[in-house]
């Protein structure tokens, strides 16, 4: 899988865990058939990526700090958005910020990681006629072929 800014700034053990979970789910769903695969694809369509989680967290904390400063008539609450907004800017510029590590350890994935799993599931389901190698063999072999196709697609 090609690197991206979030993966580059994530601990290798966390990236390995996320990759292992994707491979495990693919092997499991290769045994479940099209209905299970389709259900998982629908779940992936609703999954929040780490960028969305960071943005929502920053908006929530920033708004909370502003609201408390106004309601409590206490400007000290402005420290909260004053801390959160530079983190958001840092993430936009560098691809990293302190909360990113927390979100990654909680299991939030990048959009590319989510799309990789989704594409591999579509390969397993047989959505692409030109990839018959992922349609034969044991569930583990099919899952591995689907992951290889997803990696080639994302490269």
C-alpha atoms as a PDB file:
ATOM      1  CA  UNK A   1       0.000   0.000   0.000  1.00  0.00           C
ATOM      2  CA  UNK A   2       1.372   3.404  -0.906  1.00  0.00           C
ATOM      3  CA  UNK A   3       2.113   5.785   1.928  1.00  0.00           C
ATOM      4  CA  UNK A   4       0.124   8.890   2.682  1.00  0.00           C
ATOM      5  CA  UNK A   5       0.757  11.705   5.145  1.00  0.00           C
ATOM      6  CA  UNK A   6      -1.364  10.253   7.935  1.00  0.00           C
ATOM      7  CA  UNK A   7       0.169   6.773   7.628  1.00  0.00           C
ATOM      8  CA  UNK A   8       3.654   8.307   7.534  1.00  0.00           C
ATOM      9  CA  UNK A   9       2.947  10.002  10.892  1.00  0.00           C
ATOM     10  CA  UNK A  10       1.292   6.986  12.494  1.00  0.00           C
ATOM     11  CA  UNK A  11       3.185   4.440  14.564  1.00  0.00           C
ATOM     12  CA  UNK A  12       4.108   1.386  12.442  1.00  0.00           C
ATOM     13  CA  UNK A  13       2.383  -0.920  14.928  1.00  0.00           C
ATOM     14  CA  UNK A  14      -0.896   0.984  14.499  1.00  0.00           C
ATOM     15  CA  UNK A  15      -0.641   0.856  10.701  1.00  0.00           C
ATOM     16  CA  UNK A  16       0.142  -2.869  10.888  1.00  0.00           C
ATOM     17  CA  UNK A  17      -2.881  -3.467  13.126  1.00  0.00           C
ATOM     18  CA  UNK A  18      -5.171  -1.607  10.717  1.00  0.00           C
ATOM     19  CA  UNK A  19      -3.780  -3.545   7.726  1.00  0.00           C
ATOM     20  CA  UNK A  20      -4.133  -6.840   9.611  1.00  0.00           C
ATOM     21  CA  UNK A  21      -7.774  -6.059  10.474  1.00  0.00           C
ATOM     22  CA  UNK A  22      -8.545  -5.330   6.814  1.00  0.00           C
ATOM     23  CA  UNK A  23      -6.962  -8.616   5.713  1.00  0.00           C
ATOM     24  CA  UNK A  24      -8.809 -10.540   8.446  1.00  0.00           C
ATOM     25  CA  UNK A  25     -12.176  -9.027   7.450  1.00  0.00           C
ATOM     26  CA  UNK A  26     -11.551  -9.873   3.803  1.00  0.00           C
ATOM     27  CA  UNK A  27     -10.775 -13.517   4.630  1.00  0.00           C
ATOM     28  CA  UNK A  28     -13.875 -13.703   6.825  1.00  0.00           C
ATOM     29  CA  UNK A  29     -16.164 -12.098   4.249  1.00  0.00           C
ATOM     30  CA  UNK A  30     -14.739 -14.252   1.445  1.00  0.00           C
ATOM     31  CA  UNK A  31     -16.481 -17.142   3.239  1.00  0.00           C
ATOM     32  CA  UNK A  32     -19.745 -15.244   3.802  1.00  0.00           C
ATOM     33  CA  UNK A  33     -20.646 -14.552   0.190  1.00  0.00           C
ATOM     34  CA  UNK A  34     -22.135 -11.609  -1.642  1.00  0.00           C
ATOM     35  CA  UNK A  35     -24.720 -10.644   0.989  1.00  0.00           C
ATOM     36  CA  UNK A  36     -22.088 -10.222   3.697  1.00  0.00           C
ATOM     37  CA  UNK A  37     -19.771  -8.374   1.339  1.00  0.00           C
ATOM     38  CA  UNK A  38     -22.526  -6.002   0.237  1.00  0.00           C
ATOM     39  CA  UNK A  39     -23.490  -5.299   3.850  1.00  0.00           C
ATOM     40  CA  UNK A  40     -19.860  -4.479   4.682  1.00  0.00           C
ATOM     41  CA  UNK A  41     -19.557  -2.164   1.658  1.00  0.00           C
ATOM     42  CA  UNK A  42     -22.614  -0.271   2.902  1.00  0.00           C
ATOM     43  CA  UNK A  43     -20.971   0.037   6.340  1.00  0.00           C
ATOM     44  CA  UNK A  44     -17.807   1.378   4.725  1.00  0.00           C
ATOM     45  CA  UNK A  45     -19.841   4.008   2.884  1.00  0.00           C
ATOM     46  CA  UNK A  46     -20.919   5.344   6.299  1.00  0.00           C
ATOM     47  CA  UNK A  47     -17.555   5.021   8.083  1.00  0.00           C
ATOM     48  CA  UNK A  48     -15.949   8.263   9.219  1.00  0.00           C
ATOM     49  CA  UNK A  49     -12.334   8.656   8.176  1.00  0.00           C
ATOM     50  CA  UNK A  50      -9.715  10.159  10.471  1.00  0.00           C
ATOM     51  CA  UNK A  51      -9.837  13.526   8.692  1.00  0.00           C
ATOM     52  CA  UNK A  52     -13.570  13.859   9.299  1.00  0.00           C
ATOM     53  CA  UNK A  53     -13.169  12.829  12.940  1.00  0.00           C
ATOM     54  CA  UNK A  54     -10.397  15.397  13.482  1.00  0.00           C
ATOM     55  CA  UNK A  55     -12.433  18.156  11.846  1.00  0.00           C
ATOM     56  CA  UNK A  56     -15.561  17.306  13.846  1.00  0.00           C
ATOM     57  CA  UNK A  57     -13.550  17.154  17.072  1.00  0.00           C
ATOM     58  CA  UNK A  58     -11.927  20.534  16.379  1.00  0.00           C
ATOM     59  CA  UNK A  59     -15.270  22.124  15.503  1.00  0.00           C
ATOM     60  CA  UNK A  60     -16.930  20.701  18.619  1.00  0.00           C
ATOM     61  CA  UNK A  61     -14.158  21.778  20.999  1.00  0.00           C
ATOM     62  CA  UNK A  62     -13.780  25.191  19.363  1.00  0.00           C
ATOM     63  CA  UNK A  63     -17.505  25.887  19.450  1.00  0.00           C
ATOM     64  CA  UNK A  64     -17.729  24.669  23.037  1.00  0.00           C
ATOM     65  CA  UNK A  65     -14.947  27.012  24.107  1.00  0.00           C
ATOM     66  CA  UNK A  66     -16.561  29.975  22.345  1.00  0.00           C
ATOM     67  CA  UNK A  67     -19.999  29.198  23.769  1.00  0.00           C
ATOM     68  CA  UNK A  68     -18.669  28.825  27.309  1.00  0.00           C
ATOM     69  CA  UNK A  69     -16.729  32.099  27.004  1.00  0.00           C
ATOM     70  CA  UNK A  70     -19.946  33.885  26.003  1.00  0.00           C
ATOM     71  CA  UNK A  71     -22.333  32.138  28.409  1.00  0.00           C
ATOM     72  CA  UNK A  72     -19.999  32.265  31.405  1.00  0.00           C
ATOM     73  CA  UNK A  73     -18.686  35.731  30.536  1.00  0.00           C
ATOM     74  CA  UNK A  74     -15.231  34.294  31.051  1.00  0.00           C
ATOM     75  CA  UNK A  75     -12.642  34.795  28.304  1.00  0.00           C
ATOM     76  CA  UNK A  76     -10.468  32.028  29.772  1.00  0.00           C
ATOM     77  CA  UNK A  77     -12.664  29.556  27.866  1.00  0.00           C
ATOM     78  CA  UNK A  78     -11.165  30.987  24.650  1.00  0.00           C
ATOM     79  CA  UNK A  79      -8.065  28.972  25.495  1.00  0.00           C
ATOM     80  CA  UNK A  80      -9.887  25.889  24.226  1.00  0.00           C
ATOM     81  CA  UNK A  81     -10.356  27.075  20.625  1.00  0.00           C
ATOM     82  CA  UNK A  82      -6.953  28.740  20.921  1.00  0.00           C
ATOM     83  CA  UNK A  83      -5.417  25.291  21.439  1.00  0.00           C
ATOM     84  CA  UNK A  84      -7.580  23.330  19.015  1.00  0.00           C
ATOM     85  CA  UNK A  85      -7.349  25.571  15.960  1.00  0.00           C
ATOM     86  CA  UNK A  86      -3.525  25.526  15.724  1.00  0.00           C
ATOM     87  CA  UNK A  87      -3.664  21.721  15.864  1.00  0.00           C
ATOM     88  CA  UNK A  88      -6.090  21.736  12.945  1.00  0.00           C
ATOM     89  CA  UNK A  89      -3.819  24.093  11.011  1.00  0.00           C
ATOM     90  CA  UNK A  90      -0.798  21.947  11.840  1.00  0.00           C
ATOM     91  CA  UNK A  91      -2.597  18.897  10.484  1.00  0.00           C
ATOM     92  CA  UNK A  92      -3.548  20.736   7.287  1.00  0.00           C
ATOM     93  CA  UNK A  93       0.045  21.842   6.699  1.00  0.00           C
ATOM     94  CA  UNK A  94       2.055  18.852   7.951  1.00  0.00           C
ATOM     95  CA  UNK A  95      -0.404  15.964   7.894  1.00  0.00           C
ATOM     96  CA  UNK A  96       0.098  15.434  11.613  1.00  0.00           C
ATOM     97  CA  UNK A  97      -1.126  16.829  14.925  1.00  0.00           C
ATOM     98  CA  UNK A  98      -1.188  15.403  18.472  1.00  0.00           C
ATOM     99  CA  UNK A  99      -4.845  14.275  18.380  1.00  0.00           C
ATOM    100  CA  UNK A 100      -4.127  12.252  15.213  1.00  0.00           C
ATOM    101  CA  UNK A 101      -2.251   9.638  17.223  1.00  0.00           C
ATOM    102  CA  UNK A 102      -5.222   9.227  19.557  1.00  0.00           C
ATOM    103  CA  UNK A 103      -7.724   8.884  16.725  1.00  0.00           C
ATOM    104  CA  UNK A 104      -5.542   6.357  14.885  1.00  0.00           C
ATOM    105  CA  UNK A 105      -5.154   4.245  18.029  1.00  0.00           C
ATOM    106  CA  UNK A 106      -8.937   4.380  18.426  1.00  0.00           C
ATOM    107  CA  UNK A 107      -9.178   2.770  14.978  1.00  0.00           C
ATOM    108  CA  UNK A 108     -10.029   5.696  12.715  1.00  0.00           C
ATOM    109  CA  UNK A 109      -8.709   4.991   9.246  1.00  0.00           C
ATOM    110  CA  UNK A 110      -7.735   7.164   6.331  1.00  0.00           C
ATOM    111  CA  UNK A 111     -10.103   7.462   3.391  1.00  0.00           C
ATOM    112  CA  UNK A 112      -7.521   5.559   1.339  1.00  0.00           C
ATOM    113  CA  UNK A 113      -7.547   2.657   3.821  1.00  0.00           C
ATOM    114  CA  UNK A 114     -11.345   2.551   3.789  1.00  0.00           C
ATOM    115  CA  UNK A 115     -11.410   2.673  -0.017  1.00  0.00           C
ATOM    116  CA  UNK A 116      -8.777  -0.080  -0.181  1.00  0.00           C
ATOM    117  CA  UNK A 117     -11.018  -2.407   1.815  1.00  0.00           C
ATOM    118  CA  UNK A 118     -14.062  -1.396  -0.228  1.00  0.00           C
ATOM    119  CA  UNK A 119     -12.315  -1.991  -3.550  1.00  0.00           C
ATOM    120  CA  UNK A 120     -10.991  -5.375  -2.378  1.00  0.00           C
ATOM    121  CA  UNK A 121     -14.524  -6.356  -1.331  1.00  0.00           C
ATOM    122  CA  UNK A 122     -15.839  -5.348  -4.737  1.00  0.00           C
ATOM    123  CA  UNK A 123     -13.148  -7.535  -6.319  1.00  0.00           C
ATOM    124  CA  UNK A 124     -14.195 -10.441  -4.065  1.00  0.00           C
ATOM    125  CA  UNK A 125     -17.824  -9.937  -5.034  1.00  0.00           C
ATOM    126  CA  UNK A 126     -16.847 -10.184  -8.701  1.00  0.00           C
ATOM    127  CA  UNK A 127     -17.674  -6.608  -9.690  1.00  0.00           C
ATOM    128  CA  UNK A 128     -14.688  -6.496 -12.069  1.00  0.00           C
ATOM    129  CA  UNK A 129     -14.797  -9.082 -14.854  1.00  0.00           C
ATOM    130  CA  UNK A 130     -11.133  -8.551 -15.730  1.00  0.00           C
ATOM    131  CA  UNK A 131      -9.966  -9.811 -12.289  1.00  0.00           C
ATOM    132  CA  UNK A 132     -10.955 -13.502 -12.268  1.00  0.00           C
ATOM    133  CA  UNK A 133      -7.975 -14.539 -10.074  1.00  0.00           C
ATOM    134  CA  UNK A 134      -9.787 -13.201  -7.004  1.00  0.00           C
ATOM    135  CA  UNK A 135     -12.799 -15.411  -7.699  1.00  0.00           C
ATOM    136  CA  UNK A 136     -11.092 -18.795  -7.338  1.00  0.00           C
ATOM    137  CA  UNK A 137      -9.210 -20.587  -4.589  1.00  0.00           C
ATOM    138  CA  UNK A 138      -9.608 -20.727  -0.838  1.00  0.00           C
ATOM    139  CA  UNK A 139     -11.071 -17.752   1.037  1.00  0.00           C
ATOM    140  CA  UNK A 140      -7.562 -16.771   2.158  1.00  0.00           C
ATOM    141  CA  UNK A 141      -6.248 -16.931  -1.418  1.00  0.00           C
ATOM    142  CA  UNK A 142      -9.203 -14.948  -2.720  1.00  0.00           C
ATOM    143  CA  UNK A 143      -8.752 -12.314  -0.005  1.00  0.00           C
ATOM    144  CA  UNK A 144      -5.032 -12.006  -0.805  1.00  0.00           C
ATOM    145  CA  UNK A 145      -5.749 -11.644  -4.539  1.00  0.00           C
ATOM    146  CA  UNK A 146      -8.378  -8.993  -3.786  1.00  0.00           C
ATOM    147  CA  UNK A 147      -5.926  -7.057  -1.597  1.00  0.00           C
ATOM    148  CA  UNK A 148      -3.269  -7.222  -4.305  1.00  0.00           C
ATOM    149  CA  UNK A 149      -5.788  -5.871  -6.827  1.00  0.00           C
ATOM    150  CA  UNK A 150      -6.718  -3.074  -4.399  1.00  0.00           C
ATOM    151  CA  UNK A 151      -3.063  -2.198  -3.884  1.00  0.00           C
ATOM    152  CA  UNK A 152      -2.462  -2.116  -7.639  1.00  0.00           C
ATOM    153  CA  UNK A 153      -5.525   0.091  -8.052  1.00  0.00           C
ATOM    154  CA  UNK A 154      -4.360   2.573  -5.403  1.00  0.00           C
ATOM    155  CA  UNK A 155      -0.770   2.749  -6.648  1.00  0.00           C
END
